[in-house]
Amino acid sequence: MSGGRHVVPVGRSFTPEEGAQLTVLSVLDAVYGVSHGDSELVERGRRTLTRLRAVQHP
């Protein structure tokens, strides 16, 4: 086996409502991180917002 990670999907897909809730919670977490000025939280928040924008506007 190589040194890379292999992720195996587990469980079921999200319902549309669960997917929307996950998006909202991700945005809230990102905004919280950005608003607190901690460099690690700011970077994580920015990455999350960038990822969400890419998904919403491919």
Protein backbone atom coordinates (compact mmCIF):
# COMPACT_ATOMS: atom_id res chain seq x y z
CA MET A 1 0.00 0.00 0.00
CA SER A 2 1.25 3.49 -0.84
CA GLY A 3 1.74 6.30 1.67
CA GLY A 4 -1.34 8.17 0.41
CA ARG A 5 -4.67 8.13 2.16
CA HIS A 6 -7.52 6.12 0.73
CA VAL A 7 -10.98 7.25 1.75
CA VAL A 8 -13.82 4.79 1.47
CA PRO A 9 -17.34 6.25 1.34
CA VAL A 10 -19.47 5.05 4.21
CA GLY A 11 -23.16 5.42 4.88
CA ARG A 12 -25.84 7.12 2.84
CA SER A 13 -25.93 10.33 0.86
CA PHE A 14 -27.30 13.46 2.50
CA THR A 15 -30.88 14.45 1.82
CA PRO A 16 -31.23 17.87 0.17
CA GLU A 17 -32.25 19.33 3.54
CA GLU A 18 -29.23 17.80 5.30
CA GLY A 19 -26.93 19.09 2.57
CA ALA A 20 -28.36 22.59 2.98
CA GLN A 21 -27.94 22.41 6.76
CA LEU A 22 -24.33 21.28 6.37
CA THR A 23 -23.66 24.22 4.05
CA VAL A 24 -25.17 26.70 6.52
CA LEU A 25 -23.21 25.23 9.45
CA SER A 26 -20.00 25.31 7.39
CA VAL A 27 -20.53 28.99 6.58
CA LEU A 28 -21.25 29.83 10.23
CA ASP A 29 -18.11 27.99 11.33
CA ALA A 30 -16.04 29.80 8.68
CA VAL A 31 -17.39 33.23 9.61
CA TYR A 32 -16.78 32.53 13.29
CA GLY A 33 -13.17 31.63 12.50
CA VAL A 34 -12.58 34.69 10.36
CA SER A 35 -14.18 37.01 12.93
CA HIS A 36 -11.92 35.84 15.77
CA GLY A 37 -8.64 36.71 14.08
CA ASP A 38 -6.82 33.49 14.97
CA SER A 39 -4.62 32.81 11.92
CA GLU A 40 -5.42 29.07 11.81
CA LEU A 41 -9.16 29.70 12.14
CA VAL A 42 -9.00 32.48 9.53
CA GLU A 43 -7.24 30.22 7.02
CA ARG A 44 -9.68 27.34 7.66
CA GLY A 45 -12.61 29.73 7.28
CA ARG A 46 -11.30 31.13 4.02
CA ARG A 47 -10.70 27.64 2.62
CA THR A 48 -14.24 26.63 3.59
CA LEU A 49 -15.80 29.69 1.95
CA THR A 50 -13.70 29.18 -1.20
CA ARG A 51 -14.75 25.52 -1.38
CA LEU A 52 -18.43 26.38 -0.90
CA ARG A 53 -18.28 29.10 -3.59
CA ALA A 54 -16.73 26.62 -6.04
CA VAL A 55 -19.50 24.10 -5.37
CA GLN A 56 -22.26 26.72 -5.74
CA HIS A 57 -20.77 28.30 -8.90
CA PRO A 58 -18.80 25.69 -10.85
